[in-house]
C-alpha atoms as a PDB file:
ATOM      1  CA  MET A   1      11.691 -39.585  -7.026  1.00  0.00           C
ATOM      2  CA  SER A   2      12.738 -43.233  -6.950  1.00  0.00           C
ATOM      3  CA  ASP A   3      10.608 -45.922  -5.307  1.00  0.00           C
ATOM      4  CA  GLU A   4      13.357 -46.561  -2.753  1.00  0.00           C
ATOM      5  CA  ILE A   5      13.460 -42.910  -1.633  1.00  0.00           C
ATOM      6  CA  ARG A   6       9.670 -42.704  -1.577  1.00  0.00           C
ATOM      7  CA  ARG A   7       9.505 -45.867   0.572  1.00  0.00           C
ATOM      8  CA  SER A   8      12.044 -44.477   3.023  1.00  0.00           C
ATOM      9  CA  LEU A   9       9.929 -41.330   3.494  1.00  0.00           C
ATOM     10  CA  LYS A  10       6.859 -43.301   4.503  1.00  0.00           C
ATOM     11  CA  ARG A  11       6.671 -43.429   8.277  1.00  0.00           C
ATOM     12  CA  GLU A  12       2.924 -43.726   8.939  1.00  0.00           C
ATOM     13  CA  HIS A  13       0.589 -46.687   8.669  1.00  0.00           C
ATOM     14  CA  ILE A  14      -3.145 -47.354   8.831  1.00  0.00           C
ATOM     15  CA  LYS A  15      -4.516 -50.500  10.414  1.00  0.00           C
ATOM     16  CA  VAL A  16      -7.674 -51.940   8.864  1.00  0.00           C
ATOM     17  CA  TRP A  17      -9.569 -54.842  10.393  1.00  0.00           C
ATOM     18  CA  CYS A  18     -11.257 -57.269   8.003  1.00  0.00           C
ATOM     19  CA  THR A  19     -12.269 -60.898   7.655  1.00  0.00           C
ATOM     20  CA  ALA A  20     -10.010 -63.456   6.023  1.00  0.00           C
ATOM     21  CA  GLU A  21     -12.388 -63.542   3.058  1.00  0.00           C
ATOM     22  CA  GLU A  22     -12.264 -59.757   2.659  1.00  0.00           C
ATOM     23  CA  LYS A  23      -8.466 -59.827   2.861  1.00  0.00           C
ATOM     24  CA  GLU A  24      -8.248 -62.415   0.083  1.00  0.00           C
ATOM     25  CA  ASN A  25     -10.725 -60.434  -2.011  1.00  0.00           C
ATOM     26  CA  ILE A  26      -8.630 -57.272  -1.632  1.00  0.00           C
ATOM     27  CA  LYS A  27      -5.427 -59.168  -2.473  1.00  0.00           C
ATOM     28  CA  GLY A  28      -7.106 -60.568  -5.591  1.00  0.00           C
ATOM     29  CA  ARG A  29      -8.286 -57.154  -6.717  1.00  0.00           C
ATOM     30  CA  ALA A  30      -4.810 -55.725  -6.149  1.00  0.00           C
ATOM     31  CA  GLU A  31      -3.275 -58.453  -8.319  1.00  0.00           C
ATOM     32  CA  VAL A  32      -5.802 -57.919 -11.110  1.00  0.00           C
ATOM     33  CA  THR A  33      -5.027 -54.195 -11.267  1.00  0.00           C
ATOM     34  CA  GLY A  34      -1.303 -54.865 -11.471  1.00  0.00           C
ATOM     35  CA  ALA A  35      -0.531 -53.018  -8.237  1.00  0.00           C
ATOM     36  CA  LYS A  36       2.885 -53.870  -6.792  1.00  0.00           C
ATOM     37  CA  SER A  37       1.318 -54.533  -3.389  1.00  0.00           C
ATOM     38  CA  VAL A  38      -1.941 -54.454  -1.474  1.00  0.00           C
ATOM     39  CA  SER A  39      -0.666 -51.293   0.189  1.00  0.00           C
ATOM     40  CA  GLU A  40      -0.137 -49.584  -3.165  1.00  0.00           C
ATOM     41  CA  PHE A  41      -3.601 -50.703  -4.296  1.00  0.00           C
ATOM     42  CA  LEU A  42      -5.307 -49.359  -1.160  1.00  0.00           C
ATOM     43  CA  LEU A  43      -3.370 -46.090  -1.352  1.00  0.00           C
ATOM     44  CA  MET A  44      -4.455 -45.662  -4.979  1.00  0.00           C
ATOM     45  CA  LEU A  45      -8.087 -46.241  -4.023  1.00  0.00           C
ATOM     46  CA  GLY A  46      -7.955 -43.982  -0.989  1.00  0.00           C
ATOM     47  CA  LEU A  47      -6.024 -41.115  -2.542  1.00  0.00           C
ATOM     48  CA  ASN A  48      -7.962 -41.086  -5.795  1.00  0.00           C
ATOM     49  CA  GLY A  49     -11.341 -41.307  -4.095  1.00  0.00           C
ATOM     50  CA  LEU A  50     -12.291 -44.527  -5.854  1.00  0.00           C
ATOM     51  CA  THR A  51     -14.332 -46.197  -3.158  1.00  0.00           C
ATOM     52  CA  ASP A  52     -17.301 -47.771  -4.944  1.00  0.00           C
ATOM     53  CA  ASP A  53     -17.418 -51.293  -6.388  1.00  0.00           C
ATOM     54  CA  TYR A  54     -17.094 -50.040  -9.967  1.00  0.00           C
ATOM     55  CA  GLY A  55     -13.874 -48.152  -9.307  1.00  0.00           C
ATOM     56  CA  SER A  56     -14.981 -44.863 -10.875  1.00  0.00           C
ATOM     57  CA  ALA A  57     -18.066 -42.910 -11.851  1.00  0.00           C
ATOM     58  CA  ARG A  58     -17.412 -43.597 -15.542  1.00  0.00           C
ATOM     59  CA  GLU A  59     -17.236 -47.355 -15.041  1.00  0.00           C
ATOM     60  CA  LYS A  60     -20.349 -47.172 -12.856  1.00  0.00           C
ATOM     61  CA  ALA A  61     -22.225 -45.442 -15.667  1.00  0.00           C
ATOM     62  CA  GLU A  62     -20.933 -47.907 -18.270  1.00  0.00           C
ATOM     63  CA  GLY A  63     -21.874 -51.003 -16.234  1.00  0.00           C
ATOM     64  CA  PRO A  64     -25.571 -51.129 -17.239  1.00  0.00           C
ATOM     65  CA  LEU A  65     -24.708 -50.349 -20.871  1.00  0.00           C
ATOM     66  CA  LEU A  66     -22.223 -53.198 -20.981  1.00  0.00           C
ATOM     67  CA  ASN A  67     -24.770 -55.556 -19.438  1.00  0.00           C
ATOM     68  CA  ALA A  68     -27.378 -54.512 -22.009  1.00  0.00           C
ATOM     69  CA  ARG A  69     -24.953 -55.157 -24.893  1.00  0.00           C
ATOM     70  CA  VAL A  70     -23.919 -58.544 -23.513  1.00  0.00           C
ATOM     71  CA  TYR A  71     -27.574 -59.447 -22.882  1.00  0.00           C
ATOM     72  CA  GLY A  72     -28.429 -58.634 -26.509  1.00  0.00           C
ATOM     73  CA  ARG A  73     -25.449 -60.507 -27.930  1.00  0.00           C
ATOM     74  CA  LEU A  74     -26.307 -63.568 -25.876  1.00  0.00           C
ATOM     75  CA  PHE A  75     -29.813 -63.534 -27.361  1.00  0.00           C
ATOM     76  CA  GLY A  76     -28.266 -63.489 -30.834  1.00  0.00           C
ATOM     77  CA  MET A  77     -26.094 -66.470 -29.899  1.00  0.00           C
ATOM     78  CA  ILE A  78     -29.148 -68.406 -28.717  1.00  0.00           C
ATOM     79  CA  GLU A  79     -30.960 -67.732 -31.993  1.00  0.00           C
ATOM     80  CA  ALA A  80     -27.934 -68.793 -34.048  1.00  0.00           C
ATOM     81  CA  LEU A  81     -27.463 -72.001 -32.052  1.00  0.00           C
ATOM     82  CA  GLU A  82     -31.161 -72.904 -32.217  1.00  0.00           C
ATOM     83  CA  GLN A  83     -31.129 -72.577 -36.025  1.00  0.00           C
ATOM     84  CA  ARG A  84     -28.200 -74.966 -36.463  1.00  0.00           C
ATOM     85  CA  PRO A  85     -28.965 -78.380 -37.984  1.00  0.00           C
ATOM     86  CA  ASP A  86     -27.251 -80.012 -34.996  1.00  0.00           C
ATOM     87  CA  ALA A  87     -29.278 -78.016 -32.442  1.00  0.00           C
ATOM     88  CA  GLU A  88     -30.528 -81.228 -30.818  1.00  0.00           C
ATOM     89  CA  ILE A  89     -27.038 -82.473 -29.925  1.00  0.00           C
ATOM     90  CA  THR A  90     -26.518 -82.430 -26.157  1.00  0.00           C
ATOM     91  CA  LEU A  91     -23.507 -80.108 -26.324  1.00  0.00           C
ATOM     92  CA  VAL A  92     -25.436 -77.490 -28.309  1.00  0.00           C
ATOM     93  CA  LYS A  93     -28.468 -77.838 -26.015  1.00  0.00           C
ATOM     94  CA  ASP A  94     -26.189 -77.382 -22.989  1.00  0.00           C
ATOM     95  CA  ALA A  95     -24.635 -74.273 -24.553  1.00  0.00           C
ATOM     96  CA  ILE A  96     -28.082 -72.805 -25.200  1.00  0.00           C
ATOM     97  CA  GLU A  97     -29.165 -73.481 -21.601  1.00  0.00           C
ATOM     98  CA  LEU A  98     -25.954 -71.949 -20.242  1.00  0.00           C
ATOM     99  CA  ILE A  99     -26.527 -68.799 -22.288  1.00  0.00           C
ATOM    100  CA  HIS A 100     -30.114 -68.620 -20.979  1.00  0.00           C
ATOM    101  CA  GLU A 101     -28.762 -68.890 -17.407  1.00  0.00           C
ATOM    102  CA  VAL A 102     -26.265 -66.059 -17.959  1.00  0.00           C
ATOM    103  CA  ARG A 103     -29.033 -63.857 -19.406  1.00  0.00           C
ATOM    104  CA  ARG A 104     -31.233 -64.630 -16.388  1.00  0.00           C
ATOM    105  CA  ASP A 105     -28.377 -63.712 -14.032  1.00  0.00           C
ATOM    106  CA  ILE A 106     -27.834 -60.407 -15.831  1.00  0.00           C
ATOM    107  CA  ALA A 107     -31.563 -59.623 -15.644  1.00  0.00           C
ATOM    108  CA  ILE A 108     -31.784 -60.570 -11.957  1.00  0.00           C
ATOM    109  CA  ASN A 109     -28.714 -58.473 -11.072  1.00  0.00           C
ATOM    110  CA  ARG A 110     -30.103 -55.488 -12.964  1.00  0.00           C
ATOM    111  CA  LEU A 111     -33.405 -55.808 -11.109  1.00  0.00           C
ATOM    112  CA  ARG A 112     -31.669 -56.260  -7.752  1.00  0.00           C
ATOM    113  CA  ASN A 113     -29.355 -53.288  -8.310  1.00  0.00           C
ATOM    114  CA  GLY A 114     -32.289 -51.121  -9.352  1.00  0.00           C
ATOM    115  CA  PHE A 115     -34.236 -52.210  -6.285  1.00  0.00           C
ATOM    116  CA  GLU A 116     -31.312 -51.446  -3.984  1.00  0.00           C
ATOM    117  CA  ARG A 117     -30.938 -47.980  -5.543  1.00  0.00           C
ATOM    118  CA  ASP A 118     -34.640 -47.336  -4.945  1.00  0.00           C
ATOM    119  CA  LEU A 119     -34.198 -48.200  -1.257  1.00  0.00           C
ATOM    120  CA  ASN A 120     -31.380 -45.674  -0.776  1.00  0.00           C
END
């Protein structure tokens, strides 16, 4: 069935109230997924039952594993940068500090998410 015919068959609508910030967030997520429209994006989410922040149970399960891998790789990057002969150059020091900050953020988010799960 062509998109034009499918569009002509659609006669119902759903009104959803949200803040301007939420609307922009939804539009951004729709664009990232490649959906043709916000409507198509929301229909996909609603009809496929994908309502959590991760998009699916598989992605939700993979999230902590991905964070653990990234966390470990960042540690390896810190070690490699600290062993460089130019490790005292400001740019290298800044890169090391930035990597430390990202690792801290990952650790904090993992703790926060675990804490929130414990509360539910």
